[in-house]
Amino acid sequence: MQDAIAIAKAKIKEKFYSEFPPYPKDTDLTHHVSKAGLSALLLTGAIIGFGGFSCMIVAFASSGGIMNFITGWLTSISVF
C-alpha cells in the first residue's frame, strides 16, 4: 500500500511539473534578483508618491481651497 501511494505521488508530481515547470529553462538567478530590485524601487516610489499626494491634499484643505493654495504657492515662489 505504501508503494502504491509513493508511486501515485510521483506520477502526480511528474505530471504537474511537466505542465507547469517551476522555472523556465532559460532563467537564471540574476534575472530574479533584478526583478526583486526593480519591485523594491517601484514600491519605494509608490510610497513616496502617495506621501506627496496626501501632503498636497492636506495643503488644499488647510489653505481654504484650491485657489487660495495656488495663490499662496505663486506668492511663495515669486517672493525672490
Foldseek 3Di string as FASTA:
>chain_A
DVVVVVVVVVVVVVVVCVVPPPDDPPDDDVVVVVVVVVVVVVVVVVVVVVVVVVVVVVLQVVQPHDVSSVVVVVCVVPVD
